[in-house]
Amino acid sequence: ADKDQIQKMVRILLPAADPKSPDE
């Protein structure tokens, strides 16, 4: 999976998370 797919899953699984950088 590419980084966009990973970050979409992060937002789905943890909607309260709002990472400010790719490392976060």
PDBML (XML) file of the C-alpha atoms, coordinates in Angstrom:
<?xml version="1.0" encoding="UTF-8" ?>
<PDBx:datablock datablockName="MODEL"
   xmlns:PDBx="http://pdbml.pdb.org/schema/pdbx-v50.xsd"
   xmlns:xsi="http://www.w3.org/2001/XMLSchema-instance"
   xsi:schemaLocation="http://pdbml.pdb.org/schema/pdbx-v50.xsd pdbx-v50.xsd">
   <PDBx:atom_siteCategory>
      <PDBx:atom_site id="1">
         <PDBx:B_iso_or_equiv>0.00</PDBx:B_iso_or_equiv>
         <PDBx:Cartn_x>0.000</PDBx:Cartn_x>
         <PDBx:Cartn_y>0.000</PDBx:Cartn_y>
         <PDBx:Cartn_z>0.000</PDBx:Cartn_z>
         <PDBx:auth_asym_id>A</PDBx:auth_asym_id>
         <PDBx:auth_atom_id>CA</PDBx:auth_atom_id>
         <PDBx:auth_comp_id>ALA</PDBx:auth_comp_id>
         <PDBx:auth_seq_id>1</PDBx:auth_seq_id>
         <PDBx:group_PDB>ATOM</PDBx:group_PDB>
         <PDBx:label_alt_id xsi:nil="true" />
         <PDBx:label_asym_id>A</PDBx:label_asym_id>
         <PDBx:label_atom_id>CA</PDBx:label_atom_id>
         <PDBx:label_comp_id>ALA</PDBx:label_comp_id>
         <PDBx:label_entity_id>1</PDBx:label_entity_id>
         <PDBx:label_seq_id>1</PDBx:label_seq_id>
         <PDBx:occupancy>1.00</PDBx:occupancy>
         <PDBx:pdbx_PDB_model_num>1</PDBx:pdbx_PDB_model_num>
         <PDBx:type_symbol>C</PDBx:type_symbol>
      </PDBx:atom_site>
      <PDBx:atom_site id="2">
         <PDBx:B_iso_or_equiv>0.00</PDBx:B_iso_or_equiv>
         <PDBx:Cartn_x>1.143</PDBx:Cartn_x>
         <PDBx:Cartn_y>3.555</PDBx:Cartn_y>
         <PDBx:Cartn_z>-0.631</PDBx:Cartn_z>
         <PDBx:auth_asym_id>A</PDBx:auth_asym_id>
         <PDBx:auth_atom_id>CA</PDBx:auth_atom_id>
         <PDBx:auth_comp_id>ASP</PDBx:auth_comp_id>
         <PDBx:auth_seq_id>2</PDBx:auth_seq_id>
         <PDBx:group_PDB>ATOM</PDBx:group_PDB>
         <PDBx:label_alt_id xsi:nil="true" />
         <PDBx:label_asym_id>A</PDBx:label_asym_id>
         <PDBx:label_atom_id>CA</PDBx:label_atom_id>
         <PDBx:label_comp_id>ASP</PDBx:label_comp_id>
         <PDBx:label_entity_id>1</PDBx:label_entity_id>
         <PDBx:label_seq_id>2</PDBx:label_seq_id>
         <PDBx:occupancy>1.00</PDBx:occupancy>
         <PDBx:pdbx_PDB_model_num>1</PDBx:pdbx_PDB_model_num>
         <PDBx:type_symbol>C</PDBx:type_symbol>
      </PDBx:atom_site>
      <PDBx:atom_site id="3">
         <PDBx:B_iso_or_equiv>0.00</PDBx:B_iso_or_equiv>
         <PDBx:Cartn_x>1.401</PDBx:Cartn_x>
         <PDBx:Cartn_y>6.299</PDBx:Cartn_y>
         <PDBx:Cartn_z>2.003</PDBx:Cartn_z>
         <PDBx:auth_asym_id>A</PDBx:auth_asym_id>
         <PDBx:auth_atom_id>CA</PDBx:auth_atom_id>
         <PDBx:auth_comp_id>LYS</PDBx:auth_comp_id>
         <PDBx:auth_seq_id>3</PDBx:auth_seq_id>
         <PDBx:group_PDB>ATOM</PDBx:group_PDB>
         <PDBx:label_alt_id xsi:nil="true" />
         <PDBx:label_asym_id>A</PDBx:label_asym_id>
         <PDBx:label_atom_id>CA</PDBx:label_atom_id>
         <PDBx:label_comp_id>LYS</PDBx:label_comp_id>
         <PDBx:label_entity_id>1</PDBx:label_entity_id>
         <PDBx:label_seq_id>3</PDBx:label_seq_id>
         <PDBx:occupancy>1.00</PDBx:occupancy>
         <PDBx:pdbx_PDB_model_num>1</PDBx:pdbx_PDB_model_num>
         <PDBx:type_symbol>C</PDBx:type_symbol>
      </PDBx:atom_site>
      <PDBx:atom_site id="4">
         <PDBx:B_iso_or_equiv>0.00</PDBx:B_iso_or_equiv>
         <PDBx:Cartn_x>-1.984</PDBx:Cartn_x>
         <PDBx:Cartn_y>7.781</PDBx:Cartn_y>
         <PDBx:Cartn_z>1.021</PDBx:Cartn_z>
         <PDBx:auth_asym_id>A</PDBx:auth_asym_id>
         <PDBx:auth_atom_id>CA</PDBx:auth_atom_id>
         <PDBx:auth_comp_id>ASP</PDBx:auth_comp_id>
         <PDBx:auth_seq_id>4</PDBx:auth_seq_id>
         <PDBx:group_PDB>ATOM</PDBx:group_PDB>
         <PDBx:label_alt_id xsi:nil="true" />
         <PDBx:label_asym_id>A</PDBx:label_asym_id>
         <PDBx:label_atom_id>CA</PDBx:label_atom_id>
         <PDBx:label_comp_id>ASP</PDBx:label_comp_id>
         <PDBx:label_entity_id>1</PDBx:label_entity_id>
         <PDBx:label_seq_id>4</PDBx:label_seq_id>
         <PDBx:occupancy>1.00</PDBx:occupancy>
         <PDBx:pdbx_PDB_model_num>1</PDBx:pdbx_PDB_model_num>
         <PDBx:type_symbol>C</PDBx:type_symbol>
      </PDBx:atom_site>
      <PDBx:atom_site id="5">
         <PDBx:B_iso_or_equiv>0.00</PDBx:B_iso_or_equiv>
         <PDBx:Cartn_x>-3.734</PDBx:Cartn_x>
         <PDBx:Cartn_y>4.453</PDBx:Cartn_y>
         <PDBx:Cartn_z>1.624</PDBx:Cartn_z>
         <PDBx:auth_asym_id>A</PDBx:auth_asym_id>
         <PDBx:auth_atom_id>CA</PDBx:auth_atom_id>
         <PDBx:auth_comp_id>GLN</PDBx:auth_comp_id>
         <PDBx:auth_seq_id>5</PDBx:auth_seq_id>
         <PDBx:group_PDB>ATOM</PDBx:group_PDB>
         <PDBx:label_alt_id xsi:nil="true" />
         <PDBx:label_asym_id>A</PDBx:label_asym_id>
         <PDBx:label_atom_id>CA</PDBx:label_atom_id>
         <PDBx:label_comp_id>GLN</PDBx:label_comp_id>
         <PDBx:label_entity_id>1</PDBx:label_entity_id>
         <PDBx:label_seq_id>5</PDBx:label_seq_id>
         <PDBx:occupancy>1.00</PDBx:occupancy>
         <PDBx:pdbx_PDB_model_num>1</PDBx:pdbx_PDB_model_num>
         <PDBx:type_symbol>C</PDBx:type_symbol>
      </PDBx:atom_site>
      <PDBx:atom_site id="6">
         <PDBx:B_iso_or_equiv>0.00</PDBx:B_iso_or_equiv>
         <PDBx:Cartn_x>-2.019</PDBx:Cartn_x>
         <PDBx:Cartn_y>4.097</PDBx:Cartn_y>
         <PDBx:Cartn_z>4.999</PDBx:Cartn_z>
         <PDBx:auth_asym_id>A</PDBx:auth_asym_id>
         <PDBx:auth_atom_id>CA</PDBx:auth_atom_id>
         <PDBx:auth_comp_id>ILE</PDBx:auth_comp_id>
         <PDBx:auth_seq_id>6</PDBx:auth_seq_id>
         <PDBx:group_PDB>ATOM</PDBx:group_PDB>
         <PDBx:label_alt_id xsi:nil="true" />
         <PDBx:label_asym_id>A</PDBx:label_asym_id>
         <PDBx:label_atom_id>CA</PDBx:label_atom_id>
         <PDBx:label_comp_id>ILE</PDBx:label_comp_id>
         <PDBx:label_entity_id>1</PDBx:label_entity_id>
         <PDBx:label_seq_id>6</PDBx:label_seq_id>
         <PDBx:occupancy>1.00</PDBx:occupancy>
         <PDBx:pdbx_PDB_model_num>1</PDBx:pdbx_PDB_model_num>
         <PDBx:type_symbol>C</PDBx:type_symbol>
      </PDBx:atom_site>
      <PDBx:atom_site id="7">
         <PDBx:B_iso_or_equiv>0.00</PDBx:B_iso_or_equiv>
         <PDBx:Cartn_x>-2.989</PDBx:Cartn_x>
         <PDBx:Cartn_y>7.603</PDBx:Cartn_y>
         <PDBx:Cartn_z>6.088</PDBx:Cartn_z>
         <PDBx:auth_asym_id>A</PDBx:auth_asym_id>
         <PDBx:auth_atom_id>CA</PDBx:auth_atom_id>
         <PDBx:auth_comp_id>GLN</PDBx:auth_comp_id>
         <PDBx:auth_seq_id>7</PDBx:auth_seq_id>
         <PDBx:group_PDB>ATOM</PDBx:group_PDB>
         <PDBx:label_alt_id xsi:nil="true" />
         <PDBx:label_asym_id>A</PDBx:label_asym_id>
         <PDBx:label_atom_id>CA</PDBx:label_atom_id>
         <PDBx:label_comp_id>GLN</PDBx:label_comp_id>
         <PDBx:label_entity_id>1</PDBx:label_entity_id>
         <PDBx:label_seq_id>7</PDBx:label_seq_id>
         <PDBx:occupancy>1.00</PDBx:occupancy>
         <PDBx:pdbx_PDB_model_num>1</PDBx:pdbx_PDB_model_num>
         <PDBx:type_symbol>C</PDBx:type_symbol>
      </PDBx:atom_site>
      <PDBx:atom_site id="8">
         <PDBx:B_iso_or_equiv>0.00</PDBx:B_iso_or_equiv>
         <PDBx:Cartn_x>-6.607</PDBx:Cartn_x>
         <PDBx:Cartn_y>7.062</PDBx:Cartn_y>
         <PDBx:Cartn_z>4.995</PDBx:Cartn_z>
         <PDBx:auth_asym_id>A</PDBx:auth_asym_id>
         <PDBx:auth_atom_id>CA</PDBx:auth_atom_id>
         <PDBx:auth_comp_id>LYS</PDBx:auth_comp_id>
         <PDBx:auth_seq_id>8</PDBx:auth_seq_id>
         <PDBx:group_PDB>ATOM</PDBx:group_PDB>
         <PDBx:label_alt_id xsi:nil="true" />
         <PDBx:label_asym_id>A</PDBx:label_asym_id>
         <PDBx:label_atom_id>CA</PDBx:label_atom_id>
         <PDBx:label_comp_id>LYS</PDBx:label_comp_id>
         <PDBx:label_entity_id>1</PDBx:label_entity_id>
         <PDBx:label_seq_id>8</PDBx:label_seq_id>
         <PDBx:occupancy>1.00</PDBx:occupancy>
         <PDBx:pdbx_PDB_model_num>1</PDBx:pdbx_PDB_model_num>
         <PDBx:type_symbol>C</PDBx:type_symbol>
      </PDBx:atom_site>
      <PDBx:atom_site id="9">
         <PDBx:B_iso_or_equiv>0.00</PDBx:B_iso_or_equiv>
         <PDBx:Cartn_x>-6.771</PDBx:Cartn_x>
         <PDBx:Cartn_y>3.964</PDBx:Cartn_y>
         <PDBx:Cartn_z>7.203</PDBx:Cartn_z>
         <PDBx:auth_asym_id>A</PDBx:auth_asym_id>
         <PDBx:auth_atom_id>CA</PDBx:auth_atom_id>
         <PDBx:auth_comp_id>MET</PDBx:auth_comp_id>
         <PDBx:auth_seq_id>9</PDBx:auth_seq_id>
         <PDBx:group_PDB>ATOM</PDBx:group_PDB>
         <PDBx:label_alt_id xsi:nil="true" />
         <PDBx:label_asym_id>A</PDBx:label_asym_id>
         <PDBx:label_atom_id>CA</PDBx:label_atom_id>
         <PDBx:label_comp_id>MET</PDBx:label_comp_id>
         <PDBx:label_entity_id>1</PDBx:label_entity_id>
         <PDBx:label_seq_id>9</PDBx:label_seq_id>
         <PDBx:occupancy>1.00</PDBx:occupancy>
         <PDBx:pdbx_PDB_model_num>1</PDBx:pdbx_PDB_model_num>
         <PDBx:type_symbol>C</PDBx:type_symbol>
      </PDBx:atom_site>
      <PDBx:atom_site id="10">
         <PDBx:B_iso_or_equiv>0.00</PDBx:B_iso_or_equiv>
         <PDBx:Cartn_x>-5.254</PDBx:Cartn_x>
         <PDBx:Cartn_y>5.903</PDBx:Cartn_y>
         <PDBx:Cartn_z>10.095</PDBx:Cartn_z>
         <PDBx:auth_asym_id>A</PDBx:auth_asym_id>
         <PDBx:auth_atom_id>CA</PDBx:auth_atom_id>
         <PDBx:auth_comp_id>VAL</PDBx:auth_comp_id>
         <PDBx:auth_seq_id>10</PDBx:auth_seq_id>
         <PDBx:group_PDB>ATOM</PDBx:group_PDB>
         <PDBx:label_alt_id xsi:nil="true" />
         <PDBx:label_asym_id>A</PDBx:label_asym_id>
         <PDBx:label_atom_id>CA</PDBx:label_atom_id>
         <PDBx:label_comp_id>VAL</PDBx:label_comp_id>
         <PDBx:label_entity_id>1</PDBx:label_entity_id>
         <PDBx:label_seq_id>10</PDBx:label_seq_id>
         <PDBx:occupancy>1.00</PDBx:occupancy>
         <PDBx:pdbx_PDB_model_num>1</PDBx:pdbx_PDB_model_num>
         <PDBx:type_symbol>C</PDBx:type_symbol>
      </PDBx:atom_site>
      <PDBx:atom_site id="11">
         <PDBx:B_iso_or_equiv>0.00</PDBx:B_iso_or_equiv>
         <PDBx:Cartn_x>-8.033</PDBx:Cartn_x>
         <PDBx:Cartn_y>8.514</PDBx:Cartn_y>
         <PDBx:Cartn_z>9.735</PDBx:Cartn_z>
         <PDBx:auth_asym_id>A</PDBx:auth_asym_id>
         <PDBx:auth_atom_id>CA</PDBx:auth_atom_id>
         <PDBx:auth_comp_id>ARG</PDBx:auth_comp_id>
         <PDBx:auth_seq_id>11</PDBx:auth_seq_id>
         <PDBx:group_PDB>ATOM</PDBx:group_PDB>
         <PDBx:label_alt_id xsi:nil="true" />
         <PDBx:label_asym_id>A</PDBx:label_asym_id>
         <PDBx:label_atom_id>CA</PDBx:label_atom_id>
         <PDBx:label_comp_id>ARG</PDBx:label_comp_id>
         <PDBx:label_entity_id>1</PDBx:label_entity_id>
         <PDBx:label_seq_id>11</PDBx:label_seq_id>
         <PDBx:occupancy>1.00</PDBx:occupancy>
         <PDBx:pdbx_PDB_model_num>1</PDBx:pdbx_PDB_model_num>
         <PDBx:type_symbol>C</PDBx:type_symbol>
      </PDBx:atom_site>
      <PDBx:atom_site id="12">
         <PDBx:B_iso_or_equiv>0.00</PDBx:B_iso_or_equiv>
         <PDBx:Cartn_x>-10.707</PDBx:Cartn_x>
         <PDBx:Cartn_y>5.782</PDBx:Cartn_y>
         <PDBx:Cartn_z>9.543</PDBx:Cartn_z>
         <PDBx:auth_asym_id>A</PDBx:auth_asym_id>
         <PDBx:auth_atom_id>CA</PDBx:auth_atom_id>
         <PDBx:auth_comp_id>ILE</PDBx:auth_comp_id>
         <PDBx:auth_seq_id>12</PDBx:auth_seq_id>
         <PDBx:group_PDB>ATOM</PDBx:group_PDB>
         <PDBx:label_alt_id xsi:nil="true" />
         <PDBx:label_asym_id>A</PDBx:label_asym_id>
         <PDBx:label_atom_id>CA</PDBx:label_atom_id>
         <PDBx:label_comp_id>ILE</PDBx:label_comp_id>
         <PDBx:label_entity_id>1</PDBx:label_entity_id>
         <PDBx:label_seq_id>12</PDBx:label_seq_id>
         <PDBx:occupancy>1.00</PDBx:occupancy>
         <PDBx:pdbx_PDB_model_num>1</PDBx:pdbx_PDB_model_num>
         <PDBx:type_symbol>C</PDBx:type_symbol>
      </PDBx:atom_site>
      <PDBx:atom_site id="13">
         <PDBx:B_iso_or_equiv>0.00</PDBx:B_iso_or_equiv>
         <PDBx:Cartn_x>-9.411</PDBx:Cartn_x>
         <PDBx:Cartn_y>3.794</PDBx:Cartn_y>
         <PDBx:Cartn_z>12.528</PDBx:Cartn_z>
         <PDBx:auth_asym_id>A</PDBx:auth_asym_id>
         <PDBx:auth_atom_id>CA</PDBx:auth_atom_id>
         <PDBx:auth_comp_id>LEU</PDBx:auth_comp_id>
         <PDBx:auth_seq_id>13</PDBx:auth_seq_id>
         <PDBx:group_PDB>ATOM</PDBx:group_PDB>
         <PDBx:label_alt_id xsi:nil="true" />
         <PDBx:label_asym_id>A</PDBx:label_asym_id>
         <PDBx:label_atom_id>CA</PDBx:label_atom_id>
         <PDBx:label_comp_id>LEU</PDBx:label_comp_id>
         <PDBx:label_entity_id>1</PDBx:label_entity_id>
         <PDBx:label_seq_id>13</PDBx:label_seq_id>
         <PDBx:occupancy>1.00</PDBx:occupancy>
         <PDBx:pdbx_PDB_model_num>1</PDBx:pdbx_PDB_model_num>
         <PDBx:type_symbol>C</PDBx:type_symbol>
      </PDBx:atom_site>
      <PDBx:atom_site id="14">
         <PDBx:B_iso_or_equiv>0.00</PDBx:B_iso_or_equiv>
         <PDBx:Cartn_x>-8.490</PDBx:Cartn_x>
         <PDBx:Cartn_y>6.808</PDBx:Cartn_y>
         <PDBx:Cartn_z>14.681</PDBx:Cartn_z>
         <PDBx:auth_asym_id>A</PDBx:auth_asym_id>
         <PDBx:auth_atom_id>CA</PDBx:auth_atom_id>
         <PDBx:auth_comp_id>LEU</PDBx:auth_comp_id>
         <PDBx:auth_seq_id>14</PDBx:auth_seq_id>
         <PDBx:group_PDB>ATOM</PDBx:group_PDB>
         <PDBx:label_alt_id xsi:nil="true" />
         <PDBx:label_asym_id>A</PDBx:label_asym_id>
         <PDBx:label_atom_id>CA</PDBx:label_atom_id>
         <PDBx:label_comp_id>LEU</PDBx:label_comp_id>
         <PDBx:label_entity_id>1</PDBx:label_entity_id>
         <PDBx:label_seq_id>14</PDBx:label_seq_id>
         <PDBx:occupancy>1.00</PDBx:occupancy>
         <PDBx:pdbx_PDB_model_num>1</PDBx:pdbx_PDB_model_num>
         <PDBx:type_symbol>C</PDBx:type_symbol>
      </PDBx:atom_site>
      <PDBx:atom_site id="15">
         <PDBx:B_iso_or_equiv>0.00</PDBx:B_iso_or_equiv>
         <PDBx:Cartn_x>-10.541</PDBx:Cartn_x>
         <PDBx:Cartn_y>9.829</PDBx:Cartn_y>
         <PDBx:Cartn_z>13.592</PDBx:Cartn_z>
         <PDBx:auth_asym_id>A</PDBx:auth_asym_id>
         <PDBx:auth_atom_id>CA</PDBx:auth_atom_id>
         <PDBx:auth_comp_id>PRO</PDBx:auth_comp_id>
         <PDBx:auth_seq_id>15</PDBx:auth_seq_id>
         <PDBx:group_PDB>ATOM</PDBx:group_PDB>
         <PDBx:label_alt_id xsi:nil="true" />
         <PDBx:label_asym_id>A</PDBx:label_asym_id>
         <PDBx:label_atom_id>CA</PDBx:label_atom_id>
         <PDBx:label_comp_id>PRO</PDBx:label_comp_id>
         <PDBx:label_entity_id>1</PDBx:label_entity_id>
         <PDBx:label_seq_id>15</PDBx:label_seq_id>
         <PDBx:occupancy>1.00</PDBx:occupancy>
         <PDBx:pdbx_PDB_model_num>1</PDBx:pdbx_PDB_model_num>
         <PDBx:type_symbol>C</PDBx:type_symbol>
      </PDBx:atom_site>
      <PDBx:atom_site id="16">
         <PDBx:B_iso_or_equiv>0.00</PDBx:B_iso_or_equiv>
         <PDBx:Cartn_x>-9.262</PDBx:Cartn_x>
         <PDBx:Cartn_y>11.834</PDBx:Cartn_y>
         <PDBx:Cartn_z>16.599</PDBx:Cartn_z>
         <PDBx:auth_asym_id>A</PDBx:auth_asym_id>
         <PDBx:auth_atom_id>CA</PDBx:auth_atom_id>
         <PDBx:auth_comp_id>ALA</PDBx:auth_comp_id>
         <PDBx:auth_seq_id>16</PDBx:auth_seq_id>
         <PDBx:group_PDB>ATOM</PDBx:group_PDB>
         <PDBx:label_alt_id xsi:nil="true" />
         <PDBx:label_asym_id>A</PDBx:label_asym_id>
         <PDBx:label_atom_id>CA</PDBx:label_atom_id>
         <PDBx:label_comp_id>ALA</PDBx:label_comp_id>
         <PDBx:label_entity_id>1</PDBx:label_entity_id>
         <PDBx:label_seq_id>16</PDBx:label_seq_id>
         <PDBx:occupancy>1.00</PDBx:occupancy>
         <PDBx:pdbx_PDB_model_num>1</PDBx:pdbx_PDB_model_num>
         <PDBx:type_symbol>C</PDBx:type_symbol>
      </PDBx:atom_site>
      <PDBx:atom_site id="17">
         <PDBx:B_iso_or_equiv>0.00</PDBx:B_iso_or_equiv>
         <PDBx:Cartn_x>-5.696</PDBx:Cartn_x>
         <PDBx:Cartn_y>11.576</PDBx:Cartn_y>
         <PDBx:Cartn_z>15.278</PDBx:Cartn_z>
         <PDBx:auth_asym_id>A</PDBx:auth_asym_id>
         <PDBx:auth_atom_id>CA</PDBx:auth_atom_id>
         <PDBx:auth_comp_id>ALA</PDBx:auth_comp_id>
         <PDBx:auth_seq_id>17</PDBx:auth_seq_id>
         <PDBx:group_PDB>ATOM</PDBx:group_PDB>
         <PDBx:label_alt_id xsi:nil="true" />
         <PDBx:label_asym_id>A</PDBx:label_asym_id>
         <PDBx:label_atom_id>CA</PDBx:label_atom_id>
         <PDBx:label_comp_id>ALA</PDBx:label_comp_id>
         <PDBx:label_entity_id>1</PDBx:label_entity_id>
         <PDBx:label_seq_id>17</PDBx:label_seq_id>
         <PDBx:occupancy>1.00</PDBx:occupancy>
         <PDBx:pdbx_PDB_model_num>1</PDBx:pdbx_PDB_model_num>
         <PDBx:type_symbol>C</PDBx:type_symbol>
      </PDBx:atom_site>
      <PDBx:atom_site id="18">
         <PDBx:B_iso_or_equiv>0.00</PDBx:B_iso_or_equiv>
         <PDBx:Cartn_x>-4.623</PDBx:Cartn_x>
         <PDBx:Cartn_y>14.505</PDBx:Cartn_y>
         <PDBx:Cartn_z>13.143</PDBx:Cartn_z>
         <PDBx:auth_asym_id>A</PDBx:auth_asym_id>
         <PDBx:auth_atom_id>CA</PDBx:auth_atom_id>
         <PDBx:auth_comp_id>ASP</PDBx:auth_comp_id>
         <PDBx:auth_seq_id>18</PDBx:auth_seq_id>
         <PDBx:group_PDB>ATOM</PDBx:group_PDB>
         <PDBx:label_alt_id xsi:nil="true" />
         <PDBx:label_asym_id>A</PDBx:label_asym_id>
         <PDBx:label_atom_id>CA</PDBx:label_atom_id>
         <PDBx:label_comp_id>ASP</PDBx:label_comp_id>
         <PDBx:label_entity_id>1</PDBx:label_entity_id>
         <PDBx:label_seq_id>18</PDBx:label_seq_id>
         <PDBx:occupancy>1.00</PDBx:occupancy>
         <PDBx:pdbx_PDB_model_num>1</PDBx:pdbx_PDB_model_num>
         <PDBx:type_symbol>C</PDBx:type_symbol>
      </PDBx:atom_site>
      <PDBx:atom_site id="19">
         <PDBx:B_iso_or_equiv>0.00</PDBx:B_iso_or_equiv>
         <PDBx:Cartn_x>-0.973</PDBx:Cartn_x>
         <PDBx:Cartn_y>13.930</PDBx:Cartn_y>
         <PDBx:Cartn_z>12.218</PDBx:Cartn_z>
         <PDBx:auth_asym_id>A</PDBx:auth_asym_id>
         <PDBx:auth_atom_id>CA</PDBx:auth_atom_id>
         <PDBx:auth_comp_id>PRO</PDBx:auth_comp_id>
         <PDBx:auth_seq_id>19</PDBx:auth_seq_id>
         <PDBx:group_PDB>ATOM</PDBx:group_PDB>
         <PDBx:label_alt_id xsi:nil="true" />
         <PDBx:label_asym_id>A</PDBx:label_asym_id>
         <PDBx:label_atom_id>CA</PDBx:label_atom_id>
         <PDBx:label_comp_id>PRO</PDBx:label_comp_id>
         <PDBx:label_entity_id>1</PDBx:label_entity_id>
         <PDBx:label_seq_id>19</PDBx:label_seq_id>
         <PDBx:occupancy>1.00</PDBx:occupancy>
         <PDBx:pdbx_PDB_model_num>1</PDBx:pdbx_PDB_model_num>
         <PDBx:type_symbol>C</PDBx:type_symbol>
      </PDBx:atom_site>
      <PDBx:atom_site id="20">
         <PDBx:B_iso_or_equiv>0.00</PDBx:B_iso_or_equiv>
         <PDBx:Cartn_x>0.890</PDBx:Cartn_x>
         <PDBx:Cartn_y>17.104</PDBx:Cartn_y>
         <PDBx:Cartn_z>11.293</PDBx:Cartn_z>
         <PDBx:auth_asym_id>A</PDBx:auth_asym_id>
         <PDBx:auth_atom_id>CA</PDBx:auth_atom_id>
         <PDBx:auth_comp_id>LYS</PDBx:auth_comp_id>
         <PDBx:auth_seq_id>20</PDBx:auth_seq_id>
         <PDBx:group_PDB>ATOM</PDBx:group_PDB>
         <PDBx:label_alt_id xsi:nil="true" />
         <PDBx:label_asym_id>A</PDBx:label_asym_id>
         <PDBx:label_atom_id>CA</PDBx:label_atom_id>
         <PDBx:label_comp_id>LYS</PDBx:label_comp_id>
         <PDBx:label_entity_id>1</PDBx:label_entity_id>
         <PDBx:label_seq_id>20</PDBx:label_seq_id>
         <PDBx:occupancy>1.00</PDBx:occupancy>
         <PDBx:pdbx_PDB_model_num>1</PDBx:pdbx_PDB_model_num>
         <PDBx:type_symbol>C</PDBx:type_symbol>
      </PDBx:atom_site>
      <PDBx:atom_site id="21">
         <PDBx:B_iso_or_equiv>0.00</PDBx:B_iso_or_equiv>
         <PDBx:Cartn_x>3.697</PDBx:Cartn_x>
         <PDBx:Cartn_y>15.310</PDBx:Cartn_y>
         <PDBx:Cartn_z>9.443</PDBx:Cartn_z>
         <PDBx:auth_asym_id>A</PDBx:auth_asym_id>
         <PDBx:auth_atom_id>CA</PDBx:auth_atom_id>
         <PDBx:auth_comp_id>SER</PDBx:auth_comp_id>
         <PDBx:auth_seq_id>21</PDBx:auth_seq_id>
         <PDBx:group_PDB>ATOM</PDBx:group_PDB>
         <PDBx:label_alt_id xsi:nil="true" />
         <PDBx:label_asym_id>A</PDBx:label_asym_id>
         <PDBx:label_atom_id>CA</PDBx:label_atom_id>
         <PDBx:label_comp_id>SER</PDBx:label_comp_id>
         <PDBx:label_entity_id>1</PDBx:label_entity_id>
         <PDBx:label_seq_id>21</PDBx:label_seq_id>
         <PDBx:occupancy>1.00</PDBx:occupancy>
         <PDBx:pdbx_PDB_model_num>1</PDBx:pdbx_PDB_model_num>
         <PDBx:type_symbol>C</PDBx:type_symbol>
      </PDBx:atom_site>
      <PDBx:atom_site id="22">
         <PDBx:B_iso_or_equiv>0.00</PDBx:B_iso_or_equiv>
         <PDBx:Cartn_x>4.324</PDBx:Cartn_x>
         <PDBx:Cartn_y>12.053</PDBx:Cartn_y>
         <PDBx:Cartn_z>7.581</PDBx:Cartn_z>
         <PDBx:auth_asym_id>A</PDBx:auth_asym_id>
         <PDBx:auth_atom_id>CA</PDBx:auth_atom_id>
         <PDBx:auth_comp_id>PRO</PDBx:auth_comp_id>
         <PDBx:auth_seq_id>22</PDBx:auth_seq_id>
         <PDBx:group_PDB>ATOM</PDBx:group_PDB>
         <PDBx:label_alt_id xsi:nil="true" />
         <PDBx:label_asym_id>A</PDBx:label_asym_id>
         <PDBx:label_atom_id>CA</PDBx:label_atom_id>
         <PDBx:label_comp_id>PRO</PDBx:label_comp_id>
         <PDBx:label_entity_id>1</PDBx:label_entity_id>
         <PDBx:label_seq_id>22</PDBx:label_seq_id>
         <PDBx:occupancy>1.00</PDBx:occupancy>
         <PDBx:pdbx_PDB_model_num>1</PDBx:pdbx_PDB_model_num>
         <PDBx:type_symbol>C</PDBx:type_symbol>
      </PDBx:atom_site>
      <PDBx:atom_site id="23">
         <PDBx:B_iso_or_equiv>0.00</PDBx:B_iso_or_equiv>
         <PDBx:Cartn_x>6.592</PDBx:Cartn_x>
         <PDBx:Cartn_y>10.859</PDBx:Cartn_y>
         <PDBx:Cartn_z>10.426</PDBx:Cartn_z>
         <PDBx:auth_asym_id>A</PDBx:auth_asym_id>
         <PDBx:auth_atom_id>CA</PDBx:auth_atom_id>
         <PDBx:auth_comp_id>ASP</PDBx:auth_comp_id>
         <PDBx:auth_seq_id>23</PDBx:auth_seq_id>
         <PDBx:group_PDB>ATOM</PDBx:group_PDB>
         <PDBx:label_alt_id xsi:nil="true" />
         <PDBx:label_asym_id>A</PDBx:label_asym_id>
         <PDBx:label_atom_id>CA</PDBx:label_atom_id>
         <PDBx:label_comp_id>ASP</PDBx:label_comp_id>
         <PDBx:label_entity_id>1</PDBx:label_entity_id>
         <PDBx:label_seq_id>23</PDBx:label_seq_id>
         <PDBx:occupancy>1.00</PDBx:occupancy>
         <PDBx:pdbx_PDB_model_num>1</PDBx:pdbx_PDB_model_num>
         <PDBx:type_symbol>C</PDBx:type_symbol>
      </PDBx:atom_site>
      <PDBx:atom_site id="24">
         <PDBx:B_iso_or_equiv>0.00</PDBx:B_iso_or_equiv>
         <PDBx:Cartn_x>3.837</PDBx:Cartn_x>
         <PDBx:Cartn_y>11.367</PDBx:Cartn_y>
         <PDBx:Cartn_z>12.985</PDBx:Cartn_z>
         <PDBx:auth_asym_id>A</PDBx:auth_asym_id>
         <PDBx:auth_atom_id>CA</PDBx:auth_atom_id>
         <PDBx:auth_comp_id>GLU</PDBx:auth_comp_id>
         <PDBx:auth_seq_id>24</PDBx:auth_seq_id>
         <PDBx:group_PDB>ATOM</PDBx:group_PDB>
         <PDBx:label_alt_id xsi:nil="true" />
         <PDBx:label_asym_id>A</PDBx:label_asym_id>
         <PDBx:label_atom_id>CA</PDBx:label_atom_id>
         <PDBx:label_comp_id>GLU</PDBx:label_comp_id>
         <PDBx:label_entity_id>1</PDBx:label_entity_id>
         <PDBx:label_seq_id>24</PDBx:label_seq_id>
         <PDBx:occupancy>1.00</PDBx:occupancy>
         <PDBx:pdbx_PDB_model_num>1</PDBx:pdbx_PDB_model_num>
         <PDBx:type_symbol>C</PDBx:type_symbol>
      </PDBx:atom_site>
   </PDBx:atom_siteCategory>
</PDBx:datablock>
